[in-house]
Amino acid sequence: MKTVVGLFRNSADAERAVDALEDAGFVSDDFSIVARDNVIETDYVDDDDHVGAGEGAAVGAVGGATIGGLTGLLMGLGALAIPGIGPVLAAGTLATALGSAAAGAGIGAAAGAVTGGLVGALMDVGIPEEDAHFYAEGVRRGGVLVTVHADDTRASIAMGIMRQANAVDVNTEREAWRAEGWEHFDETAPPVAGINPYR
């Protein structure tokens, strides 16, 4: 089995990827999703119907927003505090890895800071360390991370779907960040301010 990863600049592209992957026969157990909770909340909850951190996905169709594949996967989960990122919503294998690292808290509970963080969780599912730092930084900057487990014959299908849904080009984006002085994800840095700096 391979882990195919896509980092998306917004929830709409991530949701398009999840929907297309489901249409191609991938099931919810194959997916992992990680995003800052305020990114999901902002995309699916109107300003007039603002809810607290971690509740945006759990409330369902608030403010006229419809539940799609992405939000459906995140429904009912509480936020986990990830060092360097802040509160995130996570589902799937990555959520399990993050949750097992949380001090005395399980998935679905508002947890304390998760030791090991997102880089460790990504490495636990087979992502090389350099890429794990990139993806963690992408979530820190407001991106939505989608992974899918696929056998060798279906991994290329999953990769093509991610690209068609506007997954960030890893090499291009990483080089742009390095040109700005970025070297690696720093979990001791304060979380990025704002809803989604990618926008």
N, C-alpha and C. Protein backbone atom coordinates (compact mmCIF):
# COMPACT_ATOMS: atom_id res chain seq x y z
N MET A 1 0.84 -1.20 0.00
CA MET A 1 0.00 0.00 0.00
C MET A 1 0.87 1.25 0.00
N LYS A 2 0.40 2.27 -0.71
CA LYS A 2 1.08 3.56 -0.76
C LYS A 2 0.17 4.61 -0.15
N THR A 3 0.79 5.66 0.38
CA THR A 3 0.03 6.81 0.85
C THR A 3 0.22 7.92 -0.16
N VAL A 4 -0.88 8.31 -0.82
CA VAL A 4 -0.87 9.38 -1.81
C VAL A 4 -1.34 10.64 -1.09
N VAL A 5 -0.60 11.74 -1.25
CA VAL A 5 -0.86 12.95 -0.48
C VAL A 5 -1.16 14.12 -1.41
N GLY A 6 -2.14 14.92 -1.02
CA GLY A 6 -2.43 16.16 -1.72
C GLY A 6 -2.61 17.28 -0.71
N LEU A 7 -1.93 18.39 -0.94
CA LEU A 7 -2.13 19.60 -0.14
C LEU A 7 -2.91 20.58 -0.99
N PHE A 8 -4.01 21.09 -0.44
CA PHE A 8 -4.91 21.98 -1.18
C PHE A 8 -4.95 23.34 -0.51
N ARG A 9 -5.06 24.38 -1.33
CA ARG A 9 -5.07 25.74 -0.80
C ARG A 9 -6.40 26.11 -0.14
N ASN A 10 -7.43 25.34 -0.41
CA ASN A 10 -8.74 25.66 0.17
C ASN A 10 -9.58 24.40 0.30
N SER A 11 -10.64 24.50 1.07
CA SER A 11 -11.51 23.36 1.32
C SER A 11 -12.27 22.92 0.09
N ALA A 12 -12.59 23.86 -0.80
CA ALA A 12 -13.35 23.51 -2.01
C ALA A 12 -12.56 22.54 -2.88
N ASP A 13 -11.27 22.81 -3.10
CA ASP A 13 -10.45 21.90 -3.89
C ASP A 13 -10.27 20.57 -3.19
N ALA A 14 -10.07 20.60 -1.87
CA ALA A 14 -9.92 19.35 -1.12
C ALA A 14 -11.19 18.52 -1.20
N GLU A 15 -12.33 19.18 -1.08
CA GLU A 15 -13.59 18.45 -1.16
C GLU A 15 -13.82 17.86 -2.55
N ARG A 16 -13.42 18.62 -3.58
CA ARG A 16 -13.53 18.10 -4.95
C ARG A 16 -12.67 16.83 -5.09
N ALA A 17 -11.49 16.84 -4.49
CA ALA A 17 -10.62 15.67 -4.55
C ALA A 17 -11.25 14.48 -3.83
N VAL A 18 -11.78 14.71 -2.63
CA VAL A 18 -12.40 13.62 -1.87
C VAL A 18 -13.60 13.05 -2.62
N ASP A 19 -14.43 13.92 -3.17
CA ASP A 19 -15.60 13.45 -3.93
C ASP A 19 -15.18 12.61 -5.13
N ALA A 20 -14.15 13.07 -5.86
CA ALA A 20 -13.69 12.34 -7.04
C ALA A 20 -13.05 11.02 -6.65
N LEU A 21 -12.33 11.01 -5.54
CA LEU A 21 -11.74 9.75 -5.06
C LEU A 21 -12.83 8.76 -4.66
N GLU A 22 -13.87 9.25 -4.00
CA GLU A 22 -14.99 8.37 -3.64
C GLU A 22 -15.68 7.84 -4.89
N ASP A 23 -15.85 8.71 -5.91
CA ASP A 23 -16.45 8.27 -7.17
C ASP A 23 -15.60 7.20 -7.85
N ALA A 24 -14.29 7.25 -7.61
CA ALA A 24 -13.38 6.27 -8.21
C ALA A 24 -13.29 4.98 -7.40
N GLY A 25 -14.05 4.91 -6.30
CA GLY A 25 -14.11 3.66 -5.54
C GLY A 25 -13.33 3.64 -4.25
N PHE A 26 -12.67 4.74 -3.91
CA PHE A 26 -11.99 4.79 -2.61
C PHE A 26 -13.05 5.02 -1.53
N VAL A 27 -12.86 4.41 -0.38
CA VAL A 27 -13.85 4.51 0.69
C VAL A 27 -13.30 5.35 1.83
N SER A 28 -14.18 5.79 2.72
CA SER A 28 -13.78 6.72 3.78
C SER A 28 -12.65 6.18 4.64
N ASP A 29 -12.58 4.86 4.82
CA ASP A 29 -11.50 4.28 5.61
C ASP A 29 -10.13 4.47 4.96
N ASP A 30 -10.11 4.78 3.66
CA ASP A 30 -8.85 5.01 2.95
C ASP A 30 -8.28 6.40 3.18
N PHE A 31 -9.11 7.34 3.65
CA PHE A 31 -8.74 8.75 3.70
C PHE A 31 -8.20 9.19 5.05
N SER A 32 -7.36 10.21 5.00
CA SER A 32 -7.04 11.04 6.16
C SER A 32 -7.17 12.49 5.72
N ILE A 33 -7.65 13.32 6.62
CA ILE A 33 -7.82 14.75 6.36
C ILE A 33 -7.26 15.49 7.56
N VAL A 34 -6.51 16.56 7.32
CA VAL A 34 -6.06 17.44 8.40
C VAL A 34 -6.18 18.88 7.91
N ALA A 35 -6.80 19.73 8.72
CA ALA A 35 -6.91 21.16 8.40
C ALA A 35 -7.07 21.94 9.69
N ARG A 36 -6.60 23.18 9.67
CA ARG A 36 -6.86 24.04 10.81
C ARG A 36 -8.37 24.16 10.98
N ASP A 37 -8.82 24.09 12.22
CA ASP A 37 -10.27 24.11 12.44
C ASP A 37 -10.91 25.38 11.93
N ASN A 38 -10.22 26.53 12.00
CA ASN A 38 -10.85 27.76 11.54
C ASN A 38 -10.96 27.82 10.02
N VAL A 39 -10.16 27.05 9.30
CA VAL A 39 -10.29 26.98 7.84
C VAL A 39 -11.59 26.26 7.48
N ILE A 40 -11.84 25.13 8.11
CA ILE A 40 -13.07 24.38 7.86
C ILE A 40 -14.28 25.19 8.33
N GLU A 41 -14.17 25.78 9.51
CA GLU A 41 -15.29 26.56 10.06
C GLU A 41 -15.65 27.71 9.13
N THR A 42 -14.67 28.42 8.64
CA THR A 42 -14.92 29.57 7.78
C THR A 42 -15.55 29.16 6.46
N ASP A 43 -15.11 28.05 5.92
CA ASP A 43 -15.63 27.60 4.62
C ASP A 43 -17.05 27.05 4.71
N TYR A 44 -17.47 26.59 5.88
CA TYR A 44 -18.76 25.93 5.97
C TYR A 44 -19.76 26.58 6.91
N VAL A 45 -19.37 27.66 7.57
CA VAL A 45 -20.28 28.32 8.49
C VAL A 45 -20.32 29.80 8.17
N ASP A 46 -21.51 30.36 8.01
CA ASP A 46 -21.66 31.79 7.75
C ASP A 46 -21.19 32.61 8.95
N ASP A 47 -20.77 33.86 8.69
CA ASP A 47 -20.38 34.73 9.79
C ASP A 47 -21.51 34.92 10.79
N ASP A 48 -22.74 34.98 10.30
CA ASP A 48 -23.88 35.17 11.19
C ASP A 48 -24.13 33.96 12.08
N ASP A 49 -23.64 32.81 11.67
CA ASP A 49 -23.85 31.58 12.42
C ASP A 49 -22.54 31.06 12.99
N HIS A 50 -21.66 31.98 13.40
CA HIS A 50 -20.34 31.61 13.90
C HIS A 50 -20.46 30.65 15.08
N VAL A 51 -19.62 29.64 15.06
CA VAL A 51 -19.55 28.70 16.18
C VAL A 51 -18.13 28.66 16.67
N GLY A 52 -17.94 28.06 17.84
CA GLY A 52 -16.62 28.03 18.46
C GLY A 52 -15.66 27.09 17.74
N ALA A 53 -14.39 27.19 18.13
CA ALA A 53 -13.34 26.39 17.51
C ALA A 53 -13.67 24.91 17.62
N GLY A 54 -13.51 24.20 16.52
CA GLY A 54 -13.73 22.78 16.52
C GLY A 54 -15.16 22.38 16.27
N GLU A 55 -16.09 23.33 16.27
CA GLU A 55 -17.48 22.98 16.10
C GLU A 55 -17.97 23.15 14.67
N GLY A 56 -17.19 23.82 13.83
CA GLY A 56 -17.65 24.13 12.47
C GLY A 56 -18.04 22.91 11.69
N ALA A 57 -17.24 21.85 11.75
CA ALA A 57 -17.56 20.65 11.01
C ALA A 57 -18.64 19.84 11.71
N ALA A 58 -18.67 19.93 13.04
CA ALA A 58 -19.59 19.09 13.80
C ALA A 58 -21.03 19.52 13.68
N VAL A 59 -21.29 20.80 13.42
CA VAL A 59 -22.66 21.27 13.42
C VAL A 59 -23.43 20.87 12.17
N GLY A 60 -22.72 20.42 11.16
CA GLY A 60 -23.43 19.98 9.97
C GLY A 60 -23.75 21.12 9.04
N ALA A 61 -24.99 21.13 8.54
CA ALA A 61 -25.37 22.12 7.52
C ALA A 61 -25.84 23.40 8.18
N VAL A 62 -24.90 24.14 8.73
CA VAL A 62 -25.21 25.41 9.38
C VAL A 62 -25.12 26.51 8.34
N GLY A 63 -26.00 27.48 8.41
CA GLY A 63 -25.91 28.64 7.54
C GLY A 63 -26.04 28.29 6.08
N GLY A 64 -26.75 27.22 5.76
CA GLY A 64 -26.99 26.86 4.37
C GLY A 64 -25.88 26.05 3.73
N ALA A 65 -24.79 25.79 4.45
CA ALA A 65 -23.70 25.00 3.88
C ALA A 65 -24.10 23.54 3.82
N THR A 66 -23.73 22.88 2.75
CA THR A 66 -24.06 21.48 2.61
C THR A 66 -22.92 20.60 3.07
N ILE A 67 -23.26 19.42 3.56
CA ILE A 67 -22.25 18.47 4.00
C ILE A 67 -21.80 17.66 2.80
N GLY A 68 -20.54 17.78 2.46
CA GLY A 68 -19.95 16.98 1.40
C GLY A 68 -19.04 15.94 1.98
N GLY A 69 -18.27 15.29 1.11
CA GLY A 69 -17.38 14.23 1.54
C GLY A 69 -16.37 14.69 2.57
N LEU A 70 -15.77 15.85 2.36
CA LEU A 70 -14.75 16.36 3.27
C LEU A 70 -15.33 16.62 4.64
N THR A 71 -16.40 17.39 4.70
CA THR A 71 -16.99 17.73 5.99
C THR A 71 -17.61 16.51 6.64
N GLY A 72 -18.16 15.63 5.84
CA GLY A 72 -18.71 14.39 6.39
C GLY A 72 -17.66 13.59 7.13
N LEU A 73 -16.45 13.56 6.58
CA LEU A 73 -15.37 12.83 7.24
C LEU A 73 -14.95 13.50 8.55
N LEU A 74 -15.12 14.82 8.63
CA LEU A 74 -14.68 15.56 9.81
C LEU A 74 -15.79 15.77 10.84
N MET A 75 -17.02 15.40 10.51
CA MET A 75 -18.14 15.63 11.42
C MET A 75 -17.92 14.97 12.78
N GLY A 76 -18.26 15.72 13.81
CA GLY A 76 -18.25 15.18 15.15
C GLY A 76 -16.89 15.15 15.81
N LEU A 77 -15.84 15.58 15.12
CA LEU A 77 -14.52 15.56 15.70
C LEU A 77 -14.23 16.87 16.40
N GLY A 78 -13.58 16.79 17.53
CA GLY A 78 -13.14 17.99 18.21
C GLY A 78 -11.76 18.38 17.73
N ALA A 79 -11.35 19.57 18.08
CA ALA A 79 -10.06 20.06 17.65
C ALA A 79 -8.94 19.50 18.52
N LEU A 80 -7.83 19.17 17.88
CA LEU A 80 -6.61 18.79 18.58
C LEU A 80 -5.63 19.94 18.43
N ALA A 81 -4.93 20.29 19.51
CA ALA A 81 -3.96 21.38 19.46
C ALA A 81 -2.62 20.82 19.00
N ILE A 82 -2.17 21.27 17.83
CA ILE A 82 -0.93 20.79 17.26
C ILE A 82 0.14 21.88 17.41
N PRO A 83 1.28 21.55 18.02
CA PRO A 83 2.33 22.57 18.18
C PRO A 83 2.71 23.20 16.84
N GLY A 84 2.78 24.53 16.82
CA GLY A 84 3.16 25.26 15.63
C GLY A 84 2.03 25.51 14.66
N ILE A 85 0.90 24.85 14.86
CA ILE A 85 -0.25 25.00 13.95
C ILE A 85 -1.44 25.57 14.69
N GLY A 86 -1.71 25.06 15.87
CA GLY A 86 -2.90 25.42 16.62
C GLY A 86 -3.95 24.35 16.49
N PRO A 87 -5.22 24.67 16.76
CA PRO A 87 -6.28 23.66 16.69
C PRO A 87 -6.50 23.16 15.27
N VAL A 88 -6.54 21.84 15.11
CA VAL A 88 -6.84 21.24 13.81
C VAL A 88 -7.96 20.23 13.97
N LEU A 89 -8.66 20.00 12.86
CA LEU A 89 -9.58 18.89 12.76
C LEU A 89 -8.89 17.83 11.92
N ALA A 90 -8.98 16.59 12.34
CA ALA A 90 -8.32 15.50 11.62
C ALA A 90 -9.21 14.28 11.62
N ALA A 91 -9.13 13.53 10.52
CA ALA A 91 -9.88 12.27 10.41
C ALA A 91 -8.98 11.24 9.77
N GLY A 92 -9.26 9.97 10.04
CA GLY A 92 -8.53 8.88 9.41
C GLY A 92 -7.28 8.49 10.16
N THR A 93 -6.35 7.87 9.45
CA THR A 93 -5.12 7.36 10.04
C THR A 93 -4.31 8.46 10.71
N LEU A 94 -4.25 9.64 10.10
CA LEU A 94 -3.52 10.74 10.71
C LEU A 94 -4.16 11.18 12.02
N ALA A 95 -5.48 11.15 12.07
CA ALA A 95 -6.17 11.50 13.31
C ALA A 95 -5.82 10.49 14.39
N THR A 96 -5.75 9.22 14.03
CA THR A 96 -5.39 8.19 14.99
C THR A 96 -3.98 8.41 15.50
N ALA A 97 -3.05 8.72 14.58
CA ALA A 97 -1.67 8.96 14.99
C ALA A 97 -1.57 10.19 15.88
N LEU A 98 -2.27 11.25 15.53
CA LEU A 98 -2.26 12.46 16.35
C LEU A 98 -2.93 12.21 17.69
N GLY A 99 -4.06 11.52 17.66
CA GLY A 99 -4.81 11.26 18.87
C GLY A 99 -4.08 10.36 19.84
N SER A 100 -3.34 9.38 19.32
CA SER A 100 -2.61 8.48 20.21
C SER A 100 -1.46 9.20 20.89
N ALA A 101 -1.01 10.31 20.29
CA ALA A 101 0.06 11.10 20.89
C ALA A 101 -0.46 12.14 21.87
N ALA A 102 -1.75 12.39 21.85
CA ALA A 102 -2.31 13.42 22.73
C ALA A 102 -2.26 12.96 24.18
N ALA A 103 -1.84 13.82 25.04
CA ALA A 103 -1.70 13.48 26.45
C ALA A 103 -3.07 13.29 27.09
N GLY A 104 -3.44 12.04 27.30
CA GLY A 104 -4.66 11.72 28.02
C GLY A 104 -5.94 12.07 27.32
N ALA A 105 -5.92 12.28 26.00
CA ALA A 105 -7.13 12.65 25.29
C ALA A 105 -7.29 11.79 24.06
N GLY A 106 -8.56 11.47 23.72
CA GLY A 106 -8.82 10.68 22.53
C GLY A 106 -9.33 11.54 21.42
N ILE A 107 -9.50 10.95 20.24
CA ILE A 107 -10.08 11.65 19.10
C ILE A 107 -11.50 12.05 19.47
N GLY A 108 -11.86 13.25 19.08
CA GLY A 108 -13.21 13.74 19.37
C GLY A 108 -13.27 14.56 20.64
N ALA A 109 -12.17 14.58 21.41
CA ALA A 109 -12.15 15.39 22.62
C ALA A 109 -11.28 16.61 22.38
N ALA A 110 -11.64 17.70 23.01
CA ALA A 110 -10.78 18.87 22.93
C ALA A 110 -9.53 18.53 23.71
N ALA A 111 -8.42 18.43 23.02
CA ALA A 111 -7.22 17.86 23.62
C ALA A 111 -6.20 18.92 23.94
N GLY A 112 -5.26 18.54 24.77
CA GLY A 112 -4.08 19.35 24.99
C GLY A 112 -3.17 19.22 23.78
N ALA A 113 -2.02 19.86 23.87
CA ALA A 113 -1.10 19.83 22.74
C ALA A 113 -0.65 18.40 22.44
N VAL A 114 -0.58 18.09 21.18
CA VAL A 114 -0.17 16.76 20.74
C VAL A 114 1.34 16.73 20.62
N THR A 115 1.97 15.85 21.39
CA THR A 115 3.41 15.72 21.31
C THR A 115 3.77 14.93 20.06
N GLY A 116 4.89 15.30 19.44
CA GLY A 116 5.27 14.64 18.19
C GLY A 116 4.73 15.37 17.00
N GLY A 117 3.56 15.99 17.16
CA GLY A 117 2.99 16.84 16.14
C GLY A 117 2.67 16.16 14.83
N LEU A 118 2.38 16.99 13.85
CA LEU A 118 1.94 16.51 12.54
C LEU A 118 3.08 15.88 11.77
N VAL A 119 4.30 16.39 11.90
CA VAL A 119 5.44 15.80 11.20
C VAL A 119 5.60 14.35 11.61
N GLY A 120 5.55 14.08 12.90
CA GLY A 120 5.67 12.70 13.39
C GLY A 120 4.54 11.81 12.89
N ALA A 121 3.31 12.34 12.89
CA ALA A 121 2.17 11.56 12.42
C ALA A 121 2.31 11.22 10.94
N LEU A 122 2.77 12.18 10.15
CA LEU A 122 2.97 11.93 8.72
C LEU A 122 4.06 10.89 8.49
N MET A 123 5.14 10.98 9.25
CA MET A 123 6.20 9.99 9.12
C MET A 123 5.71 8.61 9.54
N ASP A 124 4.82 8.56 10.52
CA ASP A 124 4.26 7.28 10.97
C ASP A 124 3.48 6.57 9.87
N VAL A 125 2.90 7.34 8.94
CA VAL A 125 2.15 6.71 7.84
C VAL A 125 2.99 6.57 6.57
N GLY A 126 4.31 6.78 6.72
CA GLY A 126 5.20 6.49 5.61
C GLY A 126 5.64 7.65 4.75
N ILE A 127 5.35 8.89 5.18
CA ILE A 127 5.77 10.07 4.41
C ILE A 127 7.22 10.38 4.78
N PRO A 128 8.11 10.57 3.79
CA PRO A 128 9.49 10.94 4.10
C PRO A 128 9.56 12.23 4.91
N GLU A 129 10.57 12.34 5.76
CA GLU A 129 10.67 13.47 6.69
C GLU A 129 10.63 14.82 5.99
N GLU A 130 11.37 14.99 4.90
CA GLU A 130 11.39 16.28 4.20
C GLU A 130 9.99 16.66 3.72
N ASP A 131 9.27 15.68 3.17
CA ASP A 131 7.90 15.94 2.72
C ASP A 131 6.96 16.18 3.89
N ALA A 132 7.17 15.46 5.00
CA ALA A 132 6.33 15.66 6.18
C ALA A 132 6.45 17.09 6.69
N HIS A 133 7.66 17.65 6.67
CA HIS A 133 7.84 19.05 7.07
C HIS A 133 7.09 19.99 6.13
N PHE A 134 7.16 19.70 4.84
CA PHE A 134 6.45 20.52 3.86
C PHE A 134 4.94 20.50 4.11
N TYR A 135 4.37 19.30 4.27
CA TYR A 135 2.93 19.19 4.44
C TYR A 135 2.46 19.82 5.75
N ALA A 136 3.25 19.66 6.82
CA ALA A 136 2.89 20.29 8.09
C ALA A 136 2.89 21.82 7.95
N GLU A 137 3.88 22.35 7.23
CA GLU A 137 3.92 23.79 6.99
C GLU A 137 2.73 24.23 6.15
N GLY A 138 2.34 23.39 5.19
CA GLY A 138 1.18 23.72 4.37
C GLY A 138 -0.09 23.84 5.20
N VAL A 139 -0.28 22.94 6.15
CA VAL A 139 -1.44 23.02 7.04
C VAL A 139 -1.31 24.26 7.92
N ARG A 140 -0.10 24.52 8.41
CA ARG A 140 0.14 25.71 9.23
C ARG A 140 -0.27 26.98 8.47
N ARG A 141 -0.02 26.99 7.17
CA ARG A 141 -0.34 28.17 6.36
C ARG A 141 -1.79 28.21 5.89
N GLY A 142 -2.59 27.26 6.34
CA GLY A 142 -4.02 27.29 6.03
C GLY A 142 -4.47 26.33 4.97
N GLY A 143 -3.59 25.43 4.54
CA GLY A 143 -3.97 24.44 3.53
C GLY A 143 -4.74 23.28 4.15
N VAL A 144 -5.34 22.48 3.29
CA VAL A 144 -6.07 21.28 3.71
C VAL A 144 -5.31 20.08 3.15
N LEU A 145 -4.93 19.17 4.04
CA LEU A 145 -4.15 17.99 3.66
C LEU A 145 -5.07 16.79 3.51
N VAL A 146 -4.97 16.12 2.39
CA VAL A 146 -5.76 14.91 2.13
C VAL A 146 -4.78 13.79 1.79
N THR A 147 -4.90 12.66 2.46
CA THR A 147 -4.13 11.47 2.08
C THR A 147 -5.09 10.34 1.80
N VAL A 148 -4.66 9.43 0.94
CA VAL A 148 -5.46 8.25 0.65
C VAL A 148 -4.52 7.06 0.51
N HIS A 149 -4.90 5.96 1.12
CA HIS A 149 -4.13 4.72 1.00
C HIS A 149 -4.61 3.99 -0.24
N ALA A 150 -3.66 3.56 -1.06
CA ALA A 150 -4.01 2.89 -2.31
C ALA A 150 -2.97 1.81 -2.60
N ASP A 151 -3.43 0.73 -3.21
CA ASP A 151 -2.46 -0.27 -3.65
C ASP A 151 -1.70 0.28 -4.85
N ASP A 152 -0.63 -0.41 -5.22
CA ASP A 152 0.25 0.10 -6.27
C ASP A 152 -0.49 0.41 -7.57
N THR A 153 -1.48 -0.39 -7.91
CA THR A 153 -2.17 -0.18 -9.19
C THR A 153 -3.12 1.01 -9.15
N ARG A 154 -3.61 1.38 -7.97
CA ARG A 154 -4.55 2.49 -7.86
C ARG A 154 -3.92 3.79 -7.38
N ALA A 155 -2.65 3.72 -6.98
CA ALA A 155 -1.97 4.92 -6.49
C ALA A 155 -1.89 5.98 -7.58
N SER A 156 -1.62 5.58 -8.81
CA SER A 156 -1.52 6.57 -9.89
C SER A 156 -2.87 7.20 -10.19
N ILE A 157 -3.95 6.44 -10.02
CA ILE A 157 -5.30 7.00 -10.19
C ILE A 157 -5.55 8.07 -9.13
N ALA A 158 -5.22 7.75 -7.88
CA ALA A 158 -5.40 8.71 -6.79
C ALA A 158 -4.56 9.96 -7.02
N MET A 159 -3.32 9.78 -7.47
CA MET A 159 -2.44 10.92 -7.73
C MET A 159 -3.02 11.81 -8.83
N GLY A 160 -3.54 11.20 -9.89
CA GLY A 160 -4.14 11.98 -10.97
C GLY A 160 -5.35 12.77 -10.51
N ILE A 161 -6.17 12.16 -9.65
CA ILE A 161 -7.35 12.85 -9.12
C ILE A 161 -6.93 14.04 -8.28
N MET A 162 -5.91 13.85 -7.44
CA MET A 162 -5.43 14.96 -6.60
C MET A 162 -4.95 16.12 -7.49
N ARG A 163 -4.21 15.81 -8.52
CA ARG A 163 -3.69 16.86 -9.41
C ARG A 163 -4.83 17.59 -10.11
N GLN A 164 -5.83 16.84 -10.58
CA GLN A 164 -6.97 17.46 -11.27
C GLN A 164 -7.76 18.38 -10.35
N ALA A 165 -7.71 18.09 -9.05
CA ALA A 165 -8.43 18.91 -8.07
C ALA A 165 -7.58 20.07 -7.55
N ASN A 166 -6.47 20.35 -8.23
CA ASN A 166 -5.60 21.49 -7.90
C ASN A 166 -4.74 21.29 -6.66
N ALA A 167 -4.26 20.07 -6.43
CA ALA A 167 -3.28 19.88 -5.36
C ALA A 167 -2.06 20.74 -5.66
N VAL A 168 -1.48 21.28 -4.62
CA VAL A 168 -0.28 22.10 -4.74
C VAL A 168 0.86 21.27 -5.32
N ASP A 169 1.64 21.85 -6.24
CA ASP A 169 2.83 21.18 -6.75
C ASP A 169 3.91 21.30 -5.67
N VAL A 170 4.28 20.17 -5.08
CA VAL A 170 5.18 20.15 -3.93
C VAL A 170 6.51 20.84 -4.24
N ASN A 171 7.14 20.47 -5.32
CA ASN A 171 8.47 21.01 -5.62
C ASN A 171 8.43 22.52 -5.86
N THR A 172 7.46 22.98 -6.64
CA THR A 172 7.34 24.41 -6.92
C THR A 172 7.08 25.20 -5.65
N GLU A 173 6.13 24.72 -4.84
CA GLU A 173 5.77 25.43 -3.61
C GLU A 173 6.92 25.44 -2.61
N ARG A 174 7.58 24.28 -2.46
CA ARG A 174 8.69 24.20 -1.51
C ARG A 174 9.81 25.17 -1.91
N GLU A 175 10.12 25.25 -3.20
CA GLU A 175 11.16 26.17 -3.66
C GLU A 175 10.76 27.63 -3.43
N ALA A 176 9.48 27.95 -3.61
CA ALA A 176 9.01 29.31 -3.34
C ALA A 176 9.17 29.64 -1.86
N TRP A 177 8.84 28.70 -0.98
CA TRP A 177 9.00 28.94 0.46
C TRP A 177 10.46 29.10 0.82
N ARG A 178 11.32 28.27 0.22
CA ARG A 178 12.75 28.37 0.51
C ARG A 178 13.31 29.71 0.06
N ALA A 179 12.80 30.22 -1.05
CA ALA A 179 13.24 31.54 -1.53
C ALA A 179 12.86 32.64 -0.53
N GLU A 180 11.82 32.39 0.27
CA GLU A 180 11.39 33.33 1.32
C GLU A 180 12.15 33.11 2.62
N GLY A 181 13.01 32.09 2.66
CA GLY A 181 13.78 31.81 3.88
C GLY A 181 13.32 30.62 4.69
N TRP A 182 12.25 29.94 4.25
CA TRP A 182 11.74 28.78 4.99
C TRP A 182 12.71 27.62 4.83
N GLU A 183 12.95 26.89 5.92
CA GLU A 183 13.83 25.72 5.87
C GLU A 183 13.10 24.44 6.22
N HIS A 184 12.28 24.48 7.27
CA HIS A 184 11.53 23.30 7.70
C HIS A 184 10.42 23.76 8.64
N PHE A 185 9.48 22.88 8.87
CA PHE A 185 8.40 23.18 9.80
C PHE A 185 8.97 23.33 11.20
N ASP A 186 8.57 24.39 11.89
CA ASP A 186 9.05 24.66 13.24
C ASP A 186 7.87 24.62 14.19
N GLU A 187 7.77 23.52 14.95
CA GLU A 187 6.61 23.39 15.83
C GLU A 187 6.70 24.30 17.05
N THR A 188 7.84 24.97 17.25
CA THR A 188 7.94 25.92 18.35
C THR A 188 7.50 27.32 17.94
N ALA A 189 7.29 27.51 16.63
CA ALA A 189 6.83 28.83 16.14
C ALA A 189 5.37 29.02 16.49
N PRO A 190 4.94 30.27 16.67
CA PRO A 190 3.52 30.50 16.93
C PRO A 190 2.70 30.19 15.68
N PRO A 191 1.46 29.74 15.86
CA PRO A 191 0.61 29.47 14.70
C PRO A 191 0.43 30.71 13.83
N VAL A 192 0.23 30.51 12.55
CA VAL A 192 0.01 31.61 11.61
C VAL A 192 -1.30 32.29 11.95
N ALA A 193 -1.28 33.61 12.00
CA ALA A 193 -2.51 34.37 12.26
C ALA A 193 -3.39 34.38 11.03
N GLY A 194 -4.67 34.57 11.24
CA GLY A 194 -5.59 34.67 10.12
C GLY A 194 -6.24 33.35 9.78
N ILE A 195 -7.23 33.44 8.93
CA ILE A 195 -8.01 32.25 8.60
C ILE A 195 -7.26 31.35 7.62
N ASN A 196 -6.88 31.88 6.48
CA ASN A 196 -6.20 31.06 5.48
C ASN A 196 -5.23 31.93 4.69
N PRO A 197 -3.97 31.98 5.13
CA PRO A 197 -3.00 32.83 4.44
C PRO A 197 -2.76 32.43 3.00
N TYR A 198 -3.21 31.23 2.59
CA TYR A 198 -3.06 30.80 1.20
C TYR A 198 -3.91 31.65 0.27
N ARG A 199 -5.02 32.18 0.78
CA ARG A 199 -5.96 32.87 -0.08
C ARG A 199 -5.46 34.24 -0.48
